N, C-alpha and C. Protein backbone atom coordinates (compact mmCIF):
# COMPACT_ATOMS: atom_id res chain seq x y z
N MET A 1 184.65 100.58 88.73
CA MET A 1 184.28 99.22 89.02
C MET A 1 183.02 99.17 89.87
N GLU A 2 182.85 100.17 90.72
CA GLU A 2 181.66 100.20 91.56
C GLU A 2 180.40 100.38 90.72
N ASP A 3 180.54 101.05 89.57
CA ASP A 3 179.39 101.25 88.70
C ASP A 3 178.88 99.92 88.16
N ILE A 4 179.81 99.03 87.80
CA ILE A 4 179.41 97.71 87.31
C ILE A 4 178.70 96.93 88.40
N PHE A 5 179.21 97.00 89.61
CA PHE A 5 178.60 96.31 90.73
C PHE A 5 177.19 96.84 90.99
N ILE A 6 177.04 98.16 91.03
CA ILE A 6 175.72 98.76 91.28
C ILE A 6 174.76 98.41 90.16
N PHE A 7 175.21 98.48 88.91
CA PHE A 7 174.35 98.13 87.78
C PHE A 7 173.93 96.66 87.87
N GLY A 8 174.86 95.78 88.21
CA GLY A 8 174.53 94.36 88.31
C GLY A 8 173.51 94.07 89.39
N VAL A 9 173.67 94.71 90.54
CA VAL A 9 172.73 94.49 91.64
C VAL A 9 171.35 95.04 91.28
N ILE A 10 171.29 96.22 90.69
CA ILE A 10 170.00 96.79 90.29
C ILE A 10 169.34 95.91 89.24
N PHE A 11 170.12 95.42 88.28
CA PHE A 11 169.56 94.55 87.25
C PHE A 11 169.01 93.26 87.85
N ILE A 12 169.75 92.67 88.76
CA ILE A 12 169.30 91.42 89.39
C ILE A 12 168.03 91.64 90.19
N VAL A 13 168.00 92.70 90.96
CA VAL A 13 166.81 92.99 91.76
C VAL A 13 165.61 93.27 90.86
N ALA A 14 165.81 94.01 89.79
CA ALA A 14 164.71 94.32 88.88
C ALA A 14 164.18 93.06 88.21
N VAL A 15 165.07 92.19 87.76
CA VAL A 15 164.63 90.96 87.10
C VAL A 15 163.88 90.07 88.08
N CYS A 16 164.40 89.93 89.29
CA CYS A 16 163.72 89.11 90.29
C CYS A 16 162.36 89.70 90.65
N GLU A 17 162.31 91.02 90.80
CA GLU A 17 161.04 91.65 91.15
C GLU A 17 160.01 91.45 90.05
N ILE A 18 160.41 91.69 88.82
CA ILE A 18 159.47 91.54 87.71
C ILE A 18 159.06 90.08 87.57
N PHE A 19 160.02 89.18 87.63
CA PHE A 19 159.71 87.77 87.43
C PHE A 19 158.84 87.22 88.54
N LEU A 20 159.22 87.45 89.78
CA LEU A 20 158.50 86.86 90.89
C LEU A 20 157.15 87.53 91.14
N PHE A 21 157.18 88.82 91.31
CA PHE A 21 155.97 89.48 91.76
C PHE A 21 154.94 89.66 90.64
N LYS A 22 155.37 90.04 89.47
CA LYS A 22 154.41 90.25 88.40
C LYS A 22 153.88 88.93 87.87
N ASN A 23 154.78 88.04 87.49
CA ASN A 23 154.34 86.81 86.85
C ASN A 23 153.76 85.79 87.82
N ILE A 24 154.34 85.65 88.97
CA ILE A 24 153.92 84.58 89.87
C ILE A 24 152.80 85.03 90.80
N MET A 25 153.03 86.08 91.54
CA MET A 25 152.07 86.48 92.55
C MET A 25 150.78 87.02 91.96
N VAL A 26 150.85 87.62 90.79
CA VAL A 26 149.66 88.18 90.19
C VAL A 26 148.93 87.16 89.33
N ASN A 27 149.66 86.45 88.46
CA ASN A 27 149.01 85.57 87.49
C ASN A 27 148.70 84.18 88.00
N TYR A 28 149.48 83.64 88.91
CA TYR A 28 149.36 82.24 89.26
C TYR A 28 149.00 82.05 90.73
N LYS A 29 147.90 82.63 91.14
CA LYS A 29 147.48 82.52 92.53
C LYS A 29 146.93 81.14 92.86
N ASP A 30 146.45 80.42 91.86
CA ASP A 30 145.78 79.15 92.10
C ASP A 30 146.74 77.97 92.22
N CYS A 31 148.01 78.16 91.99
CA CYS A 31 148.96 77.06 92.06
C CYS A 31 149.21 76.68 93.51
N SER A 32 149.70 75.46 93.67
CA SER A 32 149.98 75.00 95.02
C SER A 32 151.16 75.78 95.60
N GLY A 33 151.20 75.86 96.90
CA GLY A 33 152.17 76.70 97.58
C GLY A 33 153.60 76.21 97.46
N TYR A 34 153.80 74.88 97.43
CA TYR A 34 155.18 74.40 97.40
C TYR A 34 155.86 74.68 96.08
N LYS A 35 155.12 74.73 94.99
CA LYS A 35 155.73 75.05 93.69
C LYS A 35 156.17 76.51 93.64
N ILE A 36 155.32 77.37 94.16
CA ILE A 36 155.69 78.79 94.18
C ILE A 36 156.84 79.02 95.16
N LEU A 37 156.83 78.32 96.29
CA LEU A 37 157.92 78.43 97.25
C LEU A 37 159.23 77.95 96.64
N LEU A 38 159.18 76.83 95.92
CA LEU A 38 160.37 76.32 95.23
C LEU A 38 160.86 77.33 94.19
N LEU A 39 159.92 77.92 93.48
CA LEU A 39 160.28 78.92 92.47
C LEU A 39 160.94 80.14 93.12
N ILE A 40 160.41 80.58 94.24
CA ILE A 40 160.99 81.74 94.93
C ILE A 40 162.38 81.41 95.46
N ILE A 41 162.54 80.22 96.04
CA ILE A 41 163.85 79.83 96.57
C ILE A 41 164.89 79.75 95.45
N LEU A 42 164.51 79.18 94.32
CA LEU A 42 165.44 79.08 93.20
C LEU A 42 165.79 80.45 92.63
N ALA A 43 164.81 81.34 92.54
CA ALA A 43 165.08 82.68 92.01
C ALA A 43 165.99 83.47 92.96
N VAL A 44 165.77 83.33 94.25
CA VAL A 44 166.63 84.02 95.22
C VAL A 44 168.04 83.44 95.17
N THR A 45 168.16 82.12 95.01
CA THR A 45 169.47 81.50 94.87
C THR A 45 170.20 82.03 93.64
N THR A 46 169.47 82.17 92.55
CA THR A 46 170.06 82.72 91.33
C THR A 46 170.56 84.15 91.57
N ALA A 47 169.75 84.95 92.24
CA ALA A 47 170.14 86.33 92.49
C ALA A 47 171.36 86.41 93.42
N LEU A 48 171.37 85.58 94.46
CA LEU A 48 172.51 85.60 95.38
C LEU A 48 173.79 85.13 94.70
N CYS A 49 173.69 84.13 93.86
CA CYS A 49 174.88 83.67 93.12
C CYS A 49 175.37 84.75 92.18
N ALA A 50 174.46 85.46 91.54
CA ALA A 50 174.87 86.54 90.64
C ALA A 50 175.57 87.65 91.40
N VAL A 51 175.05 88.00 92.57
CA VAL A 51 175.70 89.03 93.39
C VAL A 51 177.08 88.57 93.84
N ALA A 52 177.19 87.29 94.24
CA ALA A 52 178.49 86.76 94.67
C ALA A 52 179.50 86.77 93.53
N VAL A 53 179.06 86.43 92.33
CA VAL A 53 179.96 86.45 91.18
C VAL A 53 180.40 87.87 90.86
N ILE A 54 179.49 88.82 90.98
CA ILE A 54 179.86 90.23 90.74
C ILE A 54 180.89 90.70 91.76
N ILE A 55 180.67 90.36 93.03
CA ILE A 55 181.60 90.79 94.08
C ILE A 55 182.97 90.15 93.87
N GLU A 56 182.99 88.85 93.58
CA GLU A 56 184.27 88.17 93.34
C GLU A 56 184.97 88.72 92.11
N GLY A 57 184.21 89.07 91.09
CA GLY A 57 184.81 89.68 89.90
C GLY A 57 185.43 91.03 90.21
N CYS A 58 184.78 91.82 91.04
CA CYS A 58 185.35 93.11 91.46
C CYS A 58 186.63 92.90 92.27
N ASN A 59 186.61 91.91 93.18
CA ASN A 59 187.81 91.62 93.98
C ASN A 59 188.96 91.14 93.09
N MET A 60 188.63 90.29 92.12
CA MET A 60 189.67 89.78 91.23
C MET A 60 190.26 90.92 90.39
N TYR A 61 189.42 91.84 89.96
CA TYR A 61 189.90 92.99 89.20
C TYR A 61 190.83 93.85 90.04
N GLU A 62 190.46 94.09 91.29
CA GLU A 62 191.31 94.88 92.17
C GLU A 62 192.65 94.17 92.44
N ASN A 63 192.61 92.86 92.65
CA ASN A 63 193.86 92.13 92.89
C ASN A 63 194.75 92.11 91.65
N THR A 64 194.14 92.01 90.47
CA THR A 64 194.92 92.06 89.24
C THR A 64 195.56 93.43 89.07
N LYS A 65 194.80 94.46 89.42
CA LYS A 65 195.34 95.82 89.33
C LYS A 65 196.47 96.01 90.34
N ASN A 66 196.33 95.45 91.55
CA ASN A 66 197.38 95.55 92.56
C ASN A 66 198.62 94.74 92.19
N LEU A 67 198.44 93.71 91.38
CA LEU A 67 199.56 92.87 90.98
C LEU A 67 200.54 93.63 90.09
N ASN A 68 200.07 94.66 89.41
CA ASN A 68 200.90 95.43 88.49
C ASN A 68 201.69 96.55 89.17
N LEU A 69 201.57 96.67 90.49
CA LEU A 69 202.34 97.69 91.21
C LEU A 69 203.82 97.30 91.26
N ASN A 70 204.68 98.29 91.36
CA ASN A 70 206.13 98.04 91.30
C ASN A 70 206.75 97.62 92.63
N ASN A 71 206.22 98.06 93.74
CA ASN A 71 206.87 97.84 95.02
C ASN A 71 206.34 96.61 95.77
N LEU A 72 206.18 95.50 95.08
CA LEU A 72 205.67 94.28 95.71
C LEU A 72 206.80 93.30 95.97
N THR A 73 206.73 92.67 97.10
CA THR A 73 207.71 91.62 97.41
C THR A 73 207.26 90.31 96.76
N PRO A 74 208.14 89.35 96.62
CA PRO A 74 207.74 88.06 96.02
C PRO A 74 206.65 87.35 96.82
N ASP A 75 206.66 87.51 98.14
CA ASP A 75 205.60 86.90 98.95
C ASP A 75 204.25 87.54 98.64
N MET A 76 204.21 88.85 98.48
CA MET A 76 202.96 89.54 98.15
C MET A 76 202.47 89.14 96.76
N ILE A 77 203.39 88.98 95.83
CA ILE A 77 203.02 88.57 94.47
C ILE A 77 202.42 87.16 94.49
N SER A 78 203.05 86.25 95.23
CA SER A 78 202.52 84.89 95.29
C SER A 78 201.17 84.84 96.00
N SER A 79 200.98 85.66 97.05
CA SER A 79 199.68 85.66 97.73
C SER A 79 198.60 86.27 96.83
N LEU A 80 198.94 87.31 96.06
CA LEU A 80 197.97 87.87 95.13
C LEU A 80 197.62 86.88 94.02
N ASN A 81 198.63 86.14 93.52
CA ASN A 81 198.34 85.12 92.51
C ASN A 81 197.44 84.03 93.07
N TYR A 82 197.68 83.64 94.33
CA TYR A 82 196.83 82.63 94.96
C TYR A 82 195.40 83.14 95.12
N GLU A 83 195.25 84.40 95.54
CA GLU A 83 193.92 84.98 95.69
C GLU A 83 193.20 85.08 94.36
N ILE A 84 193.91 85.46 93.31
CA ILE A 84 193.30 85.55 91.98
C ILE A 84 192.84 84.18 91.52
N ALA A 85 193.67 83.16 91.74
CA ALA A 85 193.28 81.80 91.33
C ALA A 85 192.07 81.31 92.12
N SER A 86 192.04 81.58 93.43
CA SER A 86 190.89 81.13 94.22
C SER A 86 189.62 81.90 93.86
N GLU A 87 189.77 83.17 93.49
CA GLU A 87 188.60 83.95 93.07
C GLU A 87 188.08 83.46 91.73
N LYS A 88 188.97 83.04 90.83
CA LYS A 88 188.52 82.46 89.56
C LYS A 88 187.70 81.20 89.80
N VAL A 89 188.17 80.36 90.73
CA VAL A 89 187.44 79.12 91.04
C VAL A 89 186.07 79.45 91.63
N SER A 90 186.01 80.41 92.54
CA SER A 90 184.72 80.74 93.16
C SER A 90 183.79 81.41 92.15
N ILE A 91 184.33 82.16 91.20
CA ILE A 91 183.49 82.74 90.15
C ILE A 91 182.90 81.64 89.29
N ILE A 92 183.72 80.66 88.93
CA ILE A 92 183.21 79.55 88.11
C ILE A 92 182.15 78.76 88.86
N ARG A 93 182.39 78.47 90.14
CA ARG A 93 181.40 77.73 90.94
C ARG A 93 180.11 78.52 91.08
N GLY A 94 180.22 79.80 91.38
CA GLY A 94 179.02 80.63 91.52
C GLY A 94 178.24 80.73 90.23
N ALA A 95 178.96 80.84 89.11
CA ALA A 95 178.28 80.92 87.82
C ALA A 95 177.56 79.62 87.49
N ILE A 96 178.19 78.49 87.80
CA ILE A 96 177.56 77.19 87.52
C ILE A 96 176.32 77.01 88.38
N VAL A 97 176.43 77.30 89.67
CA VAL A 97 175.28 77.15 90.57
C VAL A 97 174.18 78.14 90.18
N GLY A 98 174.55 79.38 89.87
CA GLY A 98 173.56 80.38 89.49
C GLY A 98 172.84 80.04 88.19
N LEU A 99 173.60 79.60 87.19
CA LEU A 99 172.96 79.24 85.93
C LEU A 99 172.08 78.00 86.06
N SER A 100 172.53 77.01 86.83
CA SER A 100 171.70 75.82 87.01
C SER A 100 170.43 76.15 87.79
N SER A 101 170.53 77.00 88.81
CA SER A 101 169.31 77.38 89.53
C SER A 101 168.41 78.25 88.66
N PHE A 102 168.99 79.06 87.78
CA PHE A 102 168.17 79.82 86.85
C PHE A 102 167.42 78.90 85.90
N LEU A 103 168.11 77.88 85.38
CA LEU A 103 167.43 76.94 84.49
C LEU A 103 166.34 76.16 85.22
N LEU A 104 166.61 75.77 86.46
CA LEU A 104 165.58 75.09 87.24
C LEU A 104 164.40 76.02 87.53
N THR A 105 164.70 77.29 87.79
CA THR A 105 163.62 78.26 87.99
C THR A 105 162.76 78.37 86.75
N PHE A 106 163.40 78.43 85.61
CA PHE A 106 162.66 78.54 84.36
C PHE A 106 161.82 77.29 84.11
N LEU A 107 162.37 76.10 84.39
CA LEU A 107 161.62 74.87 84.20
C LEU A 107 160.42 74.78 85.14
N VAL A 108 160.61 75.17 86.39
CA VAL A 108 159.49 75.17 87.34
C VAL A 108 158.44 76.18 86.90
N PHE A 109 158.88 77.33 86.41
CA PHE A 109 157.95 78.33 85.91
C PHE A 109 157.14 77.79 84.73
N LEU A 110 157.81 77.09 83.80
CA LEU A 110 157.08 76.50 82.67
C LEU A 110 156.09 75.45 83.15
N PHE A 111 156.47 74.67 84.15
CA PHE A 111 155.57 73.65 84.70
C PHE A 111 154.34 74.30 85.34
N ILE A 112 154.55 75.38 86.07
CA ILE A 112 153.42 76.10 86.68
C ILE A 112 152.54 76.71 85.60
N LYS A 113 153.16 77.25 84.57
CA LYS A 113 152.40 77.85 83.48
C LYS A 113 151.55 76.79 82.76
N LYS A 114 152.14 75.61 82.53
CA LYS A 114 151.41 74.53 81.89
C LYS A 114 150.24 74.07 82.76
N GLU A 115 150.48 73.98 84.06
CA GLU A 115 149.41 73.58 84.99
C GLU A 115 148.29 74.60 85.01
N TRP A 116 148.65 75.86 84.99
CA TRP A 116 147.65 76.92 84.98
C TRP A 116 146.83 76.88 83.69
N LYS A 117 147.50 76.66 82.56
CA LYS A 117 146.81 76.57 81.27
C LYS A 117 145.87 75.37 81.25
N ARG A 118 146.32 74.24 81.82
CA ARG A 118 145.48 73.05 81.90
C ARG A 118 144.25 73.32 82.76
N GLU A 119 144.42 74.08 83.81
CA GLU A 119 143.30 74.42 84.70
C GLU A 119 142.29 75.31 83.98
N ILE A 120 142.77 76.21 83.15
CA ILE A 120 141.86 77.09 82.40
C ILE A 120 141.11 76.29 81.34
N ASP A 121 141.79 75.37 80.67
CA ASP A 121 141.17 74.61 79.59
C ASP A 121 140.22 73.52 80.08
N ARG A 122 140.31 73.16 81.35
CA ARG A 122 139.43 72.12 81.88
C ARG A 122 137.99 72.63 81.88
N PRO A 123 137.04 71.79 81.41
CA PRO A 123 135.65 72.24 81.42
C PRO A 123 135.15 72.41 82.85
N LYS A 124 134.41 73.45 83.05
CA LYS A 124 133.88 73.76 84.36
C LYS A 124 132.49 73.14 84.52
N LYS A 125 132.15 72.79 85.75
CA LYS A 125 130.80 72.27 86.01
C LYS A 125 129.82 73.42 85.93
N LYS A 126 128.72 73.14 85.24
CA LYS A 126 127.68 74.16 85.09
C LYS A 126 126.50 73.80 85.97
N TRP A 127 125.73 74.79 86.23
CA TRP A 127 124.56 74.58 87.06
C TRP A 127 123.52 73.79 86.27
N ASN A 128 122.89 72.87 86.94
CA ASN A 128 121.78 72.13 86.34
C ASN A 128 120.49 72.77 86.84
N TRP A 129 119.92 73.61 86.00
CA TRP A 129 118.75 74.37 86.41
C TRP A 129 117.51 73.50 86.55
N ASN A 130 117.51 72.29 85.95
CA ASN A 130 116.35 71.40 86.08
C ASN A 130 116.24 70.83 87.49
N LYS A 131 117.33 70.71 88.21
CA LYS A 131 117.31 70.16 89.57
C LYS A 131 116.91 71.22 90.61
N ILE A 132 116.92 72.46 90.25
CA ILE A 132 116.62 73.53 91.19
C ILE A 132 115.13 73.83 91.09
N LYS A 133 114.41 73.83 92.22
CA LYS A 133 112.99 74.11 92.20
C LYS A 133 112.65 75.24 93.10
């Protein structure tokens, strides 16, 4: 189970690093600061939600595995069932928040990309050599 957790964290960090640093910091230096800040905040929120969902999934797996033990009292079984149910709810909440922040990150990224393309396509002022003497 630890392998899944480590793989998930490495994947999330790699995706955030590639997305933020390569695409934003290198290609879109001319954008306003608040858009890039919003994009960074949303991407970090997505990554944190993904890590939280992975951790809760690992905890739920361990509790489900512990539920199958033979020497459990009814109180322990009910507390494990309660923990499993609460972990399912937190996984669903984390997934919804993470996916919505990912979609917002993607929309902000598309907006920045469109703005950058518009800036490139705008005609630039040229020097008027007749006015220079």
